[in-house]
PDB file of N, CA and C in Angstrom:
ATOM      1  N   MET A   1      93.472  65.860  89.856  1.00  0.00           N
ATOM      2  CA  MET A   1      93.225  66.057  91.265  1.00  0.00           C
ATOM      3  C   MET A   1      93.663  67.443  91.702  1.00  0.00           C
ATOM      4  N   GLY A   2      94.765  67.959  91.147  1.00  0.00           N
ATOM      5  CA  GLY A   2      95.296  69.233  91.581  1.00  0.00           C
ATOM      6  C   GLY A   2      94.517  70.422  91.052  1.00  0.00           C
ATOM      7  N   ARG A   3      93.746  70.220  89.981  1.00  0.00           N
ATOM      8  CA  ARG A   3      93.019  71.336  89.419  1.00  0.00           C
ATOM      9  C   ARG A   3      91.565  71.257  89.855  1.00  0.00           C
ATOM     10  N   GLN A   4      90.991  72.410  90.128  1.00  0.00           N
ATOM     11  CA  GLN A   4      89.603  72.455  90.559  1.00  0.00           C
ATOM     12  C   GLN A   4      88.765  73.079  89.455  1.00  0.00           C
ATOM     13  N   HIS A   5      87.585  72.524  89.232  1.00  0.00           N
ATOM     14  CA  HIS A   5      86.700  73.018  88.189  1.00  0.00           C
ATOM     15  C   HIS A   5      85.647  73.918  88.811  1.00  0.00           C
ATOM     16  N   VAL A   6      85.480  75.094  88.234  1.00  0.00           N
ATOM     17  CA  VAL A   6      84.435  76.021  88.650  1.00  0.00           C
ATOM     18  C   VAL A   6      83.692  76.397  87.380  1.00  0.00           C
ATOM     19  N   GLY A   7      82.507  75.840  87.205  1.00  0.00           N
ATOM     20  CA  GLY A   7      81.766  76.078  85.965  1.00  0.00           C
ATOM     21  C   GLY A   7      82.555  75.476  84.820  1.00  0.00           C
ATOM     22  N   LYS A   8      82.826  76.294  83.788  1.00  0.00           N
ATOM     23  CA  LYS A   8      83.608  75.832  82.642  1.00  0.00           C
ATOM     24  C   LYS A   8      85.096  76.139  82.807  1.00  0.00           C
ATOM     25  N   HIS A   9      85.471  76.838  83.886  1.00  0.00           N
ATOM     26  CA  HIS A   9      86.842  77.258  84.075  1.00  0.00           C
ATOM     27  C   HIS A   9      87.544  76.376  85.093  1.00  0.00           C
ATOM     28  N   ARG A  10      88.791  76.042  84.795  1.00  0.00           N
ATOM     29  CA  ARG A  10      89.619  75.307  85.742  1.00  0.00           C
ATOM     30  C   ARG A  10      90.568  76.293  86.383  1.00  0.00           C
ATOM     31  N   PHE A  11      90.728  76.182  87.692  1.00  0.00           N
ATOM     32  CA  PHE A  11      91.625  77.080  88.400  1.00  0.00           C
ATOM     33  C   PHE A  11      92.690  76.297  89.134  1.00  0.00           C
ATOM     34  N   ILE A  12      93.875  76.860  89.167  1.00  0.00           N
ATOM     35  CA  ILE A  12      94.976  76.339  89.967  1.00  0.00           C
ATOM     36  C   ILE A  12      95.061  77.255  91.185  1.00  0.00           C
ATOM     37  N   ARG A  13      94.981  76.658  92.367  1.00  0.00           N
ATOM     38  CA  ARG A  13      95.002  77.446  93.601  1.00  0.00           C
ATOM     39  C   ARG A  13      96.356  77.263  94.287  1.00  0.00           C
ATOM     40  N   PHE A  14      96.918  78.395  94.734  1.00  0.00           N
ATOM     41  CA  PHE A  14      98.205  78.373  95.428  1.00  0.00           C
ATOM     42  C   PHE A  14      98.269  79.580  96.349  1.00  0.00           C
ATOM     43  N   LYS A  15      99.305  79.617  97.201  1.00  0.00           N
ATOM     44  CA  LYS A  15      99.439  80.739  98.126  1.00  0.00           C
ATOM     45  C   LYS A  15     100.887  81.165  98.231  1.00  0.00           C
ATOM     46  N   CYS A  16     101.076  82.393  98.671  1.00  0.00           N
ATOM     47  CA  CYS A  16     102.406  82.955  98.876  1.00  0.00           C
ATOM     48  C   CYS A  16     103.005  82.319 100.132  1.00  0.00           C
ATOM     49  N   PRO A  17     104.237  81.830 100.071  1.00  0.00           N
ATOM     50  CA  PRO A  17     104.831  81.218 101.261  1.00  0.00           C
ATOM     51  C   PRO A  17     105.196  82.229 102.352  1.00  0.00           C
ATOM     52  N   ASP A  18     105.286  83.508 102.004  1.00  0.00           N
ATOM     53  CA  ASP A  18     105.639  84.520 103.005  1.00  0.00           C
ATOM     54  C   ASP A  18     104.434  85.022 103.781  1.00  0.00           C
ATOM     55  N   CYS A  19     103.414  85.506 103.054  1.00  0.00           N
ATOM     56  CA  CYS A  19     102.268  86.122 103.741  1.00  0.00           C
ATOM     57  C   CYS A  19     101.025  85.235 103.746  1.00  0.00           C
ATOM     58  N   LEU A  20     101.074  84.100 103.059  1.00  0.00           N
ATOM     59  CA  LEU A  20      99.991  83.111 102.997  1.00  0.00           C
ATOM     60  C   LEU A  20      98.736  83.623 102.282  1.00  0.00           C
ATOM     61  N   ARG A  21      98.868  84.653 101.465  1.00  0.00           N
ATOM     62  CA  ARG A  21      97.736  85.139 100.667  1.00  0.00           C
ATOM     63  C   ARG A  21      97.421  84.106  99.590  1.00  0.00           C
ATOM     64  N   HIS A  22      96.134  83.852  99.395  1.00  0.00           N
ATOM     65  CA  HIS A  22      95.687  82.848  98.431  1.00  0.00           C
ATOM     66  C   HIS A  22      95.497  83.451  97.053  1.00  0.00           C
ATOM     67  N   TYR A  23      95.885  82.676  96.033  1.00  0.00           N
ATOM     68  CA  TYR A  23      95.728  83.087  94.641  1.00  0.00           C
ATOM     69  C   TYR A  23      95.098  81.945  93.860  1.00  0.00           C
ATOM     70  N   LYS A  24      94.463  82.302  92.742  1.00  0.00           N
ATOM     71  CA  LYS A  24      93.996  81.279  91.802  1.00  0.00           C
ATOM     72  C   LYS A  24      94.279  81.784  90.397  1.00  0.00           C
ATOM     73  N   SER A  25      94.579  80.847  89.516  1.00  0.00           N
ATOM     74  CA  SER A  25      94.942  81.194  88.156  1.00  0.00           C
ATOM     75  C   SER A  25      94.454  80.098  87.215  1.00  0.00           C
ATOM     76  N   THR A  26      94.394  80.428  85.945  1.00  0.00           N
ATOM     77  CA  THR A  26      93.991  79.440  84.936  1.00  0.00           C
ATOM     78  C   THR A  26      95.215  78.637  84.515  1.00  0.00           C
ATOM     79  N   PRO A  27      95.004  77.424  83.995  1.00  0.00           N
ATOM     80  CA  PRO A  27      96.142  76.588  83.572  1.00  0.00           C
ATOM     81  C   PRO A  27      96.983  77.224  82.469  1.00  0.00           C
ATOM     82  N   GLU A  28      96.401  78.124  81.703  1.00  0.00           N
ATOM     83  CA  GLU A  28      97.148  78.768  80.625  1.00  0.00           C
ATOM     84  C   GLU A  28      98.282  79.643  81.155  1.00  0.00           C
ATOM     85  N   ARG A  29      98.211  80.031  82.419  1.00  0.00           N
ATOM     86  CA  ARG A  29      99.212  80.937  83.000  1.00  0.00           C
ATOM     87  C   ARG A  29     100.295  80.201  83.795  1.00  0.00           C
ATOM     88  N   VAL A  30     100.365  78.871  83.681  1.00  0.00           N
ATOM     89  CA  VAL A  30     101.368  78.080  84.403  1.00  0.00           C
ATOM     90  C   VAL A  30     102.762  78.587  84.040  1.00  0.00           C
ATOM     91  N   GLY A  31     103.574  78.807  85.054  1.00  0.00           N
ATOM     92  CA  GLY A  31     104.947  79.270  84.855  1.00  0.00           C
ATOM     93  C   GLY A  31     105.098  80.774  84.819  1.00  0.00           C
ATOM     94  N   GLU A  32     104.008  81.506  84.650  1.00  0.00           N
ATOM     95  CA  GLU A  32     104.087  82.972  84.633  1.00  0.00           C
ATOM     96  C   GLU A  32     104.470  83.491  86.009  1.00  0.00           C
ATOM     97  N   LYS A  33     105.170  84.596  86.012  1.00  0.00           N
ATOM     98  CA  LYS A  33     105.577  85.240  87.258  1.00  0.00           C
ATOM     99  C   LYS A  33     104.548  86.300  87.624  1.00  0.00           C
ATOM    100  N   LEU A  34     104.294  86.427  88.927  1.00  0.00           N
ATOM    101  CA  LEU A  34     103.447  87.502  89.412  1.00  0.00           C
ATOM    102  C   LEU A  34     104.009  87.996  90.721  1.00  0.00           C
ATOM    103  N   LEU A  35     103.663  89.218  91.082  1.00  0.00           N
ATOM    104  CA  LEU A  35     104.183  89.836  92.294  1.00  0.00           C
ATOM    105  C   LEU A  35     103.087  89.836  93.351  1.00  0.00           C
ATOM    106  N   CYS A  36     103.384  89.221  94.496  1.00  0.00           N
ATOM    107  CA  CYS A  36     102.439  89.192  95.608  1.00  0.00           C
ATOM    108  C   CYS A  36     102.361  90.581  96.226  1.00  0.00           C
ATOM    109  N   THR A  37     101.297  90.843  96.957  1.00  0.00           N
ATOM    110  CA  THR A  37     101.138  92.141  97.613  1.00  0.00           C
ATOM    111  C   THR A  37     102.207  92.373  98.678  1.00  0.00           C
ATOM    112  N   CYS A  38     102.833  91.295  99.180  1.00  0.00           N
ATOM    113  CA  CYS A  38     103.899  91.445 100.173  1.00  0.00           C
ATOM    114  C   CYS A  38     105.247  91.733  99.522  1.00  0.00           C
ATOM    115  N   GLY A  39     105.310  91.637  98.191  1.00  0.00           N
ATOM    116  CA  GLY A  39     106.544  91.938  97.476  1.00  0.00           C
ATOM    117  C   GLY A  39     107.295  90.722  96.958  1.00  0.00           C
ATOM    118  N   ARG A  40     106.859  89.539  97.304  1.00  0.00           N
ATOM    119  CA  ARG A  40     107.547  88.326  96.849  1.00  0.00           C
ATOM    120  C   ARG A  40     107.108  87.973  95.431  1.00  0.00           C
ATOM    121  N   GLU A  41     108.069  87.555  94.608  1.00  0.00           N
ATOM    122  CA  GLU A  41     107.749  87.127  93.256  1.00  0.00           C
ATOM    123  C   GLU A  41     107.324  85.659  93.292  1.00  0.00           C
ATOM    124  N   LEU A  42     106.176  85.373  92.688  1.00  0.00           N
ATOM    125  CA  LEU A  42     105.633  84.016  92.670  1.00  0.00           C
ATOM    126  C   LEU A  42     105.561  83.513  91.238  1.00  0.00           C
ATOM    127  N   SER A  43     105.582  82.216  91.101  1.00  0.00           N
ATOM    128  CA  SER A  43     105.390  81.572  89.807  1.00  0.00           C
ATOM    129  C   SER A  43     104.136  80.709  89.895  1.00  0.00           C
ATOM    130  N   VAL A  44     103.279  80.781  88.882  1.00  0.00           N
ATOM    131  CA  VAL A  44     102.055  79.981  88.891  1.00  0.00           C
ATOM    132  C   VAL A  44     102.441  78.507  88.742  1.00  0.00           C
ATOM    133  N   PRO A  45     102.085  77.655  89.725  1.00  0.00           N
ATOM    134  CA  PRO A  45     102.482  76.240  89.666  1.00  0.00           C
ATOM    135  C   PRO A  45     101.629  75.460  88.667  1.00  0.00           C
ATOM    136  N   ALA A  46     102.072  74.264  88.332  1.00  0.00           N
ATOM    137  CA  ALA A  46     101.334  73.414  87.397  1.00  0.00           C
ATOM    138  C   ALA A  46     100.119  72.767  88.056  1.00  0.00           C
ATOM    139  N   GLU A  47     100.177  72.552  89.354  1.00  0.00           N
ATOM    140  CA  GLU A  47      99.082  71.906  90.080  1.00  0.00           C
ATOM    141  C   GLU A  47      98.710  72.740  91.294  1.00  0.00           C
ATOM    142  N   SER A  48      97.460  72.603  91.732  1.00  0.00           N
ATOM    143  CA  SER A  48      97.016  73.277  92.947  1.00  0.00           C
ATOM    144  C   SER A  48      97.691  72.661  94.159  1.00  0.00           C
ATOM    145  N   GLU A  49      97.897  73.497  95.166  1.00  0.00           N
ATOM    146  CA  GLU A  49      98.414  72.987  96.427  1.00  0.00           C
ATOM    147  C   GLU A  49      97.306  72.215  97.132  1.00  0.00           C
ATOM    148  N   PRO A  50      97.656  71.167  97.864  1.00  0.00           N
ATOM    149  CA  PRO A  50      96.613  70.439  98.597  1.00  0.00           C
ATOM    150  C   PRO A  50      96.005  71.343  99.672  1.00  0.00           C
ATOM    151  N   PRO A  51      94.717  71.216  99.922  1.00  0.00           N
ATOM    152  CA  PRO A  51      94.082  72.044 100.953  1.00  0.00           C
ATOM    153  C   PRO A  51      94.597  71.685 102.348  1.00  0.00           C
ATOM    154  N   ASP A  52      94.599  72.692 103.217  1.00  0.00           N
ATOM    155  CA  ASP A  52      95.025  72.451 104.599  1.00  0.00           C
ATOM    156  C   ASP A  52      93.986  71.588 105.302  1.00  0.00           C
ATOM    157  N   ARG A  53      94.448  70.536 105.946  1.00  0.00           N
ATOM    158  CA  ARG A  53      93.572  69.634 106.690  1.00  0.00           C
ATOM    159  C   ARG A  53      93.951  69.684 108.163  1.00  0.00           C
ATOM    160  N   LYS A  54      93.530  70.731 108.844  1.00  0.00           N
ATOM    161  CA  LYS A  54      93.879  70.886 110.254  1.00  0.00           C
ATOM    162  C   LYS A  54      92.777  70.331 111.137  1.00  0.00           C
ATOM    163  N   THR A  55      93.192  69.572 112.133  1.00  0.00           N
ATOM    164  CA  THR A  55      92.234  69.038 113.091  1.00  0.00           C
ATOM    165  C   THR A  55      91.947  70.111 114.151  1.00  0.00           C
ATOM    166  N   LEU A  56      90.964  69.849 114.991  1.00  0.00           N
ATOM    167  CA  LEU A  56      90.635  70.776 116.065  1.00  0.00           C
ATOM    168  C   LEU A  56      91.826  70.944 117.007  1.00  0.00           C
ATOM    169  N   PHE A  57      92.522  69.849 117.300  1.00  0.00           N
ATOM    170  CA  PHE A  57      93.706  69.921 118.154  1.00  0.00           C
ATOM    171  C   PHE A  57      94.773  70.816 117.532  1.00  0.00           C
ATOM    172  N   ASP A  58      94.995  70.697 116.203  1.00  0.00           N
ATOM    173  CA  ASP A  58      95.971  71.533 115.512  1.00  0.00           C
ATOM    174  C   ASP A  58      95.607  73.008 115.633  1.00  0.00           C
ATOM    175  N   ARG A  59      94.335  73.316 115.480  1.00  0.00           N
ATOM    176  CA  ARG A  59      93.888  74.716 115.555  1.00  0.00           C
ATOM    177  C   ARG A  59      94.046  75.278 116.970  1.00  0.00           C
ATOM    178  N   ILE A  60      93.705  74.488 117.983  1.00  0.00           N
ATOM    179  CA  ILE A  60      93.848  74.949 119.372  1.00  0.00           C
ATOM    180  C   ILE A  60      95.323  75.133 119.715  1.00  0.00           C
ATOM    181  N   LEU A  61      96.150  74.185 119.308  1.00  0.00           N
ATOM    182  CA  LEU A  61      97.583  74.284 119.570  1.00  0.00           C
ATOM    183  C   LEU A  61      98.182  75.514 118.888  1.00  0.00           C
ATOM    184  N   ALA A  62      97.817  75.762 117.649  1.00  0.00           N
ATOM    185  CA  ALA A  62      98.310  76.943 116.932  1.00  0.00           C
ATOM    186  C   ALA A  62      97.842  78.222 117.627  1.00  0.00           C
ATOM    187  N   PHE A  63      96.580  78.250 118.064  1.00  0.00           N
ATOM    188  CA  PHE A  63      96.031  79.419 118.764  1.00  0.00           C
ATOM    189  C   PHE A  63      96.858  79.727 120.011  1.00  0.00           C
ATOM    190  N   VAL A  64      97.144  78.697 120.800  1.00  0.00           N
ATOM    191  CA  VAL A  64      97.885  78.890 122.046  1.00  0.00           C
ATOM    192  C   VAL A  64      99.342  79.274 121.770  1.00  0.00           C
ATOM    193  N   LEU A  65     100.008  78.543 120.875  1.00  0.00           N
ATOM    194  CA  LEU A  65     101.420  78.815 120.616  1.00  0.00           C
ATOM    195  C   LEU A  65     101.638  80.179 119.975  1.00  0.00           C
ATOM    196  N   PHE A  66     100.837  80.516 118.967  1.00  0.00           N
ATOM    197  CA  PHE A  66     100.978  81.828 118.345  1.00  0.00           C
ATOM    198  C   PHE A  66     100.597  82.929 119.327  1.00  0.00           C
ATOM    199  N   GLY A  67      99.618  82.663 120.176  1.00  0.00           N
ATOM    200  CA  GLY A  67      99.243  83.636 121.195  1.00  0.00           C
ATOM    201  C   GLY A  67     100.372  83.881 122.180  1.00  0.00           C
ATOM    202  N   LEU A  68     101.051  82.811 122.600  1.00  0.00           N
ATOM    203  CA  LEU A  68     102.177  82.966 123.521  1.00  0.00           C
ATOM    204  C   LEU A  68     103.347  83.700 122.868  1.00  0.00           C
ATOM    205  N   CYS A  69     103.606  83.405 121.604  1.00  0.00           N
ATOM    206  CA  CYS A  69     104.661  84.141 120.891  1.00  0.00           C
ATOM    207  C   CYS A  69     104.311  85.619 120.791  1.00  0.00           C
ATOM    208  N   GLY A  70     103.056  85.909 120.454  1.00  0.00           N
ATOM    209  CA  GLY A  70     102.621  87.297 120.390  1.00  0.00           C
ATOM    210  C   GLY A  70     102.706  87.979 121.742  1.00  0.00           C
ATOM    211  N   ALA A  71     102.354  87.263 122.810  1.00  0.00           N
ATOM    212  CA  ALA A  71     102.442  87.831 124.162  1.00  0.00           C
ATOM    213  C   ALA A  71     103.894  88.139 124.523  1.00  0.00           C
ATOM    214  N   PHE A  72     104.808  87.285 124.109  1.00  0.00           N
ATOM    215  CA  PHE A  72     106.229  87.535 124.379  1.00  0.00           C
ATOM    216  C   PHE A  72     106.698  88.801 123.663  1.00  0.00           C
ATOM    217  N   PHE A  73     106.324  88.940 122.367  1.00  0.00           N
ATOM    218  CA  PHE A  73     106.666  90.171 121.641  1.00  0.00           C
ATOM    219  C   PHE A  73     106.012  91.373 122.313  1.00  0.00           C
ATOM    220  N   GLY A  74     104.783  91.214 122.763  1.00  0.00           N
ATOM    221  CA  GLY A  74     104.102  92.290 123.474  1.00  0.00           C
ATOM    222  C   GLY A  74     104.835  92.674 124.749  1.00  0.00           C
ATOM    223  N   LEU A  75     105.329  91.673 125.472  1.00  0.00           N
ATOM    224  CA  LEU A  75     106.103  91.932 126.690  1.00  0.00           C
ATOM    225  C   LEU A  75     107.341  92.764 126.376  1.00  0.00           C
ATOM    226  N   LEU A  76     108.073  92.369 125.344  1.00  0.00           N
ATOM    227  CA  LEU A  76     109.283  93.107 124.968  1.00  0.00           C
ATOM    228  C   LEU A  76     108.964  94.542 124.572  1.00  0.00           C
ATOM    229  N   ILE A  77     107.937  94.709 123.751  1.00  0.00           N
ATOM    230  CA  ILE A  77     107.552  96.047 123.312  1.00  0.00           C
ATOM    231  C   ILE A  77     107.046  96.867 124.488  1.00  0.00           C
ATOM    232  N   GLY A  78     106.224  96.258 125.345  1.00  0.00           N
ATOM    233  CA  GLY A  78     105.711  96.956 126.518  1.00  0.00           C
ATOM    234  C   GLY A  78     106.811  97.400 127.458  1.00  0.00           C
ATOM    235  N   LEU A  79     107.818  96.537 127.668  1.00  0.00           N
ATOM    236  CA  LEU A  79     108.956  96.916 128.519  1.00  0.00           C
ATOM    237  C   LEU A  79     109.742  98.081 127.912  1.00  0.00           C
ATOM    238  N   CYS A  80     109.943  98.025 126.604  1.00  0.00           N
ATOM    239  CA  CYS A  80     110.654  99.132 125.942  1.00  0.00           C
ATOM    240  C   CYS A  80     109.902 100.447 126.111  1.00  0.00           C
ATOM    241  N   ILE A  81     108.601 100.414 125.924  1.00  0.00           N
ATOM    242  CA  ILE A  81     107.799 101.637 126.052  1.00  0.00           C
ATOM    243  C   ILE A  81     107.784 102.100 127.509  1.00  0.00           C
ATOM    244  N   ALA A  82     107.523 101.179 128.425  1.00  0.00           N
ATOM    245  CA  ALA A  82     107.387 101.550 129.833  1.00  0.00           C
ATOM    246  C   ALA A  82     108.702 102.080 130.410  1.00  0.00           C
ATOM    247  N   LEU A  83     109.815 101.513 129.987  1.00  0.00           N
ATOM    248  CA  LEU A  83     111.103 101.962 130.511  1.00  0.00           C
ATOM    249  C   LEU A  83     111.549 103.290 129.901  1.00  0.00           C
ATOM    250  N   SER A  84     110.964 103.658 128.753  1.00  0.00           N
ATOM    251  CA  SER A  84     111.364 104.909 128.112  1.00  0.00           C
ATOM    252  C   SER A  84     110.599 106.120 128.643  1.00  0.00           C
ATOM    253  N   ILE A  85     109.518 105.904 129.389  1.00  0.00           N
ATOM    254  CA  ILE A  85     108.776 107.050 129.938  1.00  0.00           C
ATOM    255  C   ILE A  85     109.302 107.382 131.331  1.00  0.00           C
ATOM    256  N   ARG A  86     109.080 108.602 131.734  1.00  0.00           N
ATOM    257  CA  ARG A  86     109.628 109.057 133.019  1.00  0.00           C
ATOM    258  C   ARG A  86     108.755 108.630 134.205  1.00  0.00           C
ATOM    259  N   HIS A  87     107.449 108.586 134.029  1.00  0.00           N
ATOM    260  CA  HIS A  87     106.547 108.275 135.138  1.00  0.00           C
ATOM    261  C   HIS A  87     106.373 106.770 135.234  1.00  0.00           C
ATOM    262  N   ARG A  88     106.809 106.187 136.302  1.00  0.00           N
ATOM    263  CA  ARG A  88     106.756 104.741 136.489  1.00  0.00           C
ATOM    264  C   ARG A  88     105.391 104.265 136.980  1.00  0.00           C
ATOM    265  N   ASP A  89     104.446 105.203 137.197  1.00  0.00           N
ATOM    266  CA  ASP A  89     103.109 104.819 137.678  1.00  0.00           C
ATOM    267  C   ASP A  89     102.362 103.988 136.642  1.00  0.00           C
ATOM    268  N   ASN A  90     102.662 104.192 135.379  1.00  0.00           N
ATOM    269  CA  ASN A  90     101.944 103.516 134.294  1.00  0.00           C
ATOM    270  C   ASN A  90     102.647 102.250 133.822  1.00  0.00           C
ATOM    271  N   PHE A  91     103.647 101.779 134.531  1.00  0.00           N
ATOM    272  CA  PHE A  91     104.443 100.636 134.097  1.00  0.00           C
ATOM    273  C   PHE A  91     103.590  99.379 133.898  1.00  0.00           C
ATOM    274  N   VAL A  92     102.838  98.997 134.924  1.00  0.00           N
ATOM    275  CA  VAL A  92     102.053  97.753 134.855  1.00  0.00           C
ATOM    276  C   VAL A  92     100.949  97.831 133.802  1.00  0.00           C
ATOM    277  N   PRO A  93     100.165  98.927 133.727  1.00  0.00           N
ATOM    278  CA  PRO A  93      99.126  98.981 132.680  1.00  0.00           C
ATOM    279  C   PRO A  93      99.698  98.954 131.266  1.00  0.00           C
ATOM    280  N   ILE A  94     100.842  99.605 131.053  1.00  0.00           N
ATOM    281  CA  ILE A  94     101.438  99.622 129.715  1.00  0.00           C
ATOM    282  C   ILE A  94     101.916  98.232 129.327  1.00  0.00           C
ATOM    283  N   VAL A  95     102.662  97.592 130.206  1.00  0.00           N
ATOM    284  CA  VAL A  95     103.194  96.259 129.901  1.00  0.00           C
ATOM    285  C   VAL A  95     102.056  95.242 129.784  1.00  0.00           C
ATOM    286  N   GLY A  96     101.090  95.315 130.686  1.00  0.00           N
ATOM    287  CA  GLY A  96      99.949  94.390 130.631  1.00  0.00           C
ATOM    288  C   GLY A  96      99.145  94.546 129.357  1.00  0.00           C
ATOM    289  N   SER A  97      98.910  95.778 128.949  1.00  0.00           N
ATOM    290  CA  SER A  97      98.164  96.025 127.706  1.00  0.00           C
ATOM    291  C   SER A  97      98.929  95.504 126.497  1.00  0.00           C
ATOM    292  N   ALA A  98     100.245  95.741 126.477  1.00  0.00           N
ATOM    293  CA  ALA A  98     101.058  95.268 125.354  1.00  0.00           C
ATOM    294  C   ALA A  98     101.060  93.735 125.282  1.00  0.00           C
ATOM    295  N   ILE A  99     101.105  93.081 126.431  1.00  0.00           N
ATOM    296  CA  ILE A  99     101.060  91.608 126.450  1.00  0.00           C
ATOM    297  C   ILE A  99      99.717  91.114 125.920  1.00  0.00           C
ATOM    298  N   LEU A 100      98.634  91.732 126.371  1.00  0.00           N
ATOM    299  CA  LEU A 100      97.306  91.324 125.913  1.00  0.00           C
ATOM    300  C   LEU A 100      97.140  91.545 124.411  1.00  0.00           C
ATOM    301  N   ILE A 101      97.549  92.713 123.922  1.00  0.00           N
ATOM    302  CA  ILE A 101      97.450  92.994 122.485  1.00  0.00           C
ATOM    303  C   ILE A 101      98.304  92.016 121.691  1.00  0.00           C
ATOM    304  N   GLY A 102      99.514  91.735 122.176  1.00  0.00           N
ATOM    305  CA  GLY A 102     100.388  90.772 121.503  1.00  0.00           C
ATOM    306  C   GLY A 102      99.781  89.385 121.465  1.00  0.00           C
ATOM    307  N   PHE A 103      99.180  88.959 122.592  1.00  0.00           N
ATOM    308  CA  PHE A 103      98.546  87.640 122.619  1.00  0.00           C
ATOM    309  C   PHE A 103      97.409  87.568 121.609  1.00  0.00           C
ATOM    310  N   LEU A 104      96.556  88.588 121.581  1.00  0.00           N
ATOM    311  CA  LEU A 104      95.413  88.583 120.662  1.00  0.00           C
ATOM    312  C   LEU A 104      95.862  88.613 119.205  1.00  0.00           C
ATOM    313  N   LEU A 105      96.873  89.432 118.893  1.00  0.00           N
ATOM    314  CA  LEU A 105      97.383  89.463 117.519  1.00  0.00           C
ATOM    315  C   LEU A 105      97.976  88.120 117.133  1.00  0.00           C
ATOM    316  N   GLY A 106      98.747  87.521 118.025  1.00  0.00           N
ATOM    317  CA  GLY A 106      99.347  86.228 117.719  1.00  0.00           C
ATOM    318  C   GLY A 106      98.317  85.118 117.609  1.00  0.00           C
ATOM    319  N   ALA A 107      97.364  85.089 118.546  1.00  0.00           N
ATOM    320  CA  ALA A 107      96.379  84.007 118.568  1.00  0.00           C
ATOM    321  C   ALA A 107      95.433  84.072 117.374  1.00  0.00           C
ATOM    322  N   PHE A 108      94.938  85.268 117.067  1.00  0.00           N
ATOM    323  CA  PHE A 108      93.960  85.378 115.990  1.00  0.00           C
ATOM    324  C   PHE A 108      94.603  85.653 114.636  1.00  0.00           C
ATOM    325  N   GLY A 109      95.789  86.270 114.627  1.00  0.00           N
ATOM    326  CA  GLY A 109      96.482  86.532 113.370  1.00  0.00           C
ATOM    327  C   GLY A 109      97.354  85.373 112.964  1.00  0.00           C
ATOM    328  N   GLY A 110      97.952  84.743 113.965  1.00  0.00           N
ATOM    329  CA  GLY A 110      98.756  83.536 113.774  1.00  0.00           C
ATOM    330  C   GLY A 110      99.720  83.572 112.618  1.00  0.00           C
ATOM    331  N   GLU A 111      99.539  82.657 111.708  1.00  0.00           N
ATOM    332  CA  GLU A 111     100.454  82.487 110.587  1.00  0.00           C
ATOM    333  C   GLU A 111     100.458  83.683 109.647  1.00  0.00           C
ATOM    334  N   ARG A 112      99.427  84.504 109.691  1.00  0.00           N
ATOM    335  CA  ARG A 112      99.385  85.663 108.801  1.00  0.00           C
ATOM    336  C   ARG A 112     100.140  86.846 109.375  1.00  0.00           C
ATOM    337  N   VAL A 113     100.123  87.024 110.686  1.00  0.00           N
ATOM    338  CA  VAL A 113     100.729  88.198 111.314  1.00  0.00           C
ATOM    339  C   VAL A 113     102.222  87.997 111.574  1.00  0.00           C
ATOM    340  N   LEU A 114     102.626  86.838 112.062  1.00  0.00           N
ATOM    341  CA  LEU A 114     104.016  86.642 112.466  1.00  0.00           C
ATOM    342  C   LEU A 114     105.020  86.765 111.322  1.00  0.00           C
ATOM    343  N   PRO A 115     104.764  86.251 110.110  1.00  0.00           N
ATOM    344  CA  PRO A 115     105.734  86.484 109.030  1.00  0.00           C
ATOM    345  C   PRO A 115     105.891  87.965 108.689  1.00  0.00           C
ATOM    346  N   VAL A 116     104.827  88.723 108.773  1.00  0.00           N
ATOM    347  CA  VAL A 116     104.908  90.160 108.508  1.00  0.00           C
ATOM    348  C   VAL A 116     105.768  90.830 109.572  1.00  0.00           C
ATOM    349  N   LEU A 117     105.541  90.483 110.848  1.00  0.00           N
ATOM    350  CA  LEU A 117     106.352  91.048 111.929  1.00  0.00           C
ATOM    351  C   LEU A 117     107.820  90.651 111.792  1.00  0.00           C
ATOM    352  N   ALA A 118     108.071  89.412 111.412  1.00  0.00           N
ATOM    353  CA  ALA A 118     109.458  88.955 111.251  1.00  0.00           C
ATOM    354  C   ALA A 118     110.142  89.717 110.127  1.00  0.00           C
ATOM    355  N   ARG A 119     109.429  89.943 109.019  1.00  0.00           N
ATOM    356  CA  ARG A 119     110.007  90.700 107.914  1.00  0.00           C
ATOM    357  C   ARG A 119     110.322  92.133 108.339  1.00  0.00           C
ATOM    358  N   LEU A 120     109.434  92.757 109.126  1.00  0.00           N
ATOM    359  CA  LEU A 120     109.672  94.102 109.624  1.00  0.00           C
ATOM    360  C   LEU A 120     110.853  94.124 110.596  1.00  0.00           C
ATOM    361  N   TRP A 121     110.932  93.094 111.450  1.00  0.00           N
ATOM    362  CA  TRP A 121     111.961  93.038 112.465  1.00  0.00           C
ATOM    363  C   TRP A 121     113.348  92.880 111.836  1.00  0.00           C
ATOM    364  N   TYR A 122     113.460  92.024 110.816  1.00  0.00           N
ATOM    365  CA  TYR A 122     114.762  91.705 110.224  1.00  0.00           C
ATOM    366  C   TYR A 122     115.094  92.549 108.994  1.00  0.00           C
ATOM    367  N   ARG A 123     114.260  93.516 108.670  1.00  0.00           N
ATOM    368  CA  ARG A 123     114.514  94.349 107.497  1.00  0.00           C
ATOM    369  C   ARG A 123     115.803  95.138 107.707  1.00  0.00           C
ATOM    370  N   ASP A 124     116.644  95.129 106.698  1.00  0.00           N
ATOM    371  CA  ASP A 124     117.892  95.874 106.773  1.00  0.00           C
ATOM    372  C   ASP A 124     117.584  97.359 106.620  1.00  0.00           C
ATOM    373  N   PRO A 125     117.969  98.207 107.583  1.00  0.00           N
ATOM    374  CA  PRO A 125     117.629  99.626 107.503  1.00  0.00           C
ATOM    375  C   PRO A 125     118.395 100.366 106.411  1.00  0.00           C
ATOM    376  N   LEU A 126     119.492  99.812 105.938  1.00  0.00           N
ATOM    377  CA  LEU A 126     120.265 100.464 104.884  1.00  0.00           C
ATOM    378  C   LEU A 126     119.787 100.010 103.528  1.00  0.00           C
ATOM    379  N   PRO A 127     119.779 100.911 102.526  1.00  0.00           N
ATOM    380  CA  PRO A 127     119.325 100.522 101.171  1.00  0.00           C
ATOM    381  C   PRO A 127     120.245  99.542 100.496  1.00  0.00           C
TER     382      PRO A 127
END
């Protein structure tokens, strides 16, 4: 059940838990280590991960929640930018634009964008 057949080849499908990038490998490579593009070391599992079974409600809820999280980050970034400039005439357009961009990134990027932002946010600046 965990392995999928494509022609004469069987593939094991899995994804990176950090960036959610999808991978496929042959059963002969089970246990081998590989490096994801995000930098995380992965091991080829013995079985494929079950496919995501999201309902329409799940997708709408994720769209709204991730969009709101992105809008909040946009608000924070917009306030930082707007407060750092000398001319206060552009305050509302800057903050509003940052909120809109944050909402769109969160809503449409969702699970793919937020882990990347979190990794950037919590990265230790010292080597």
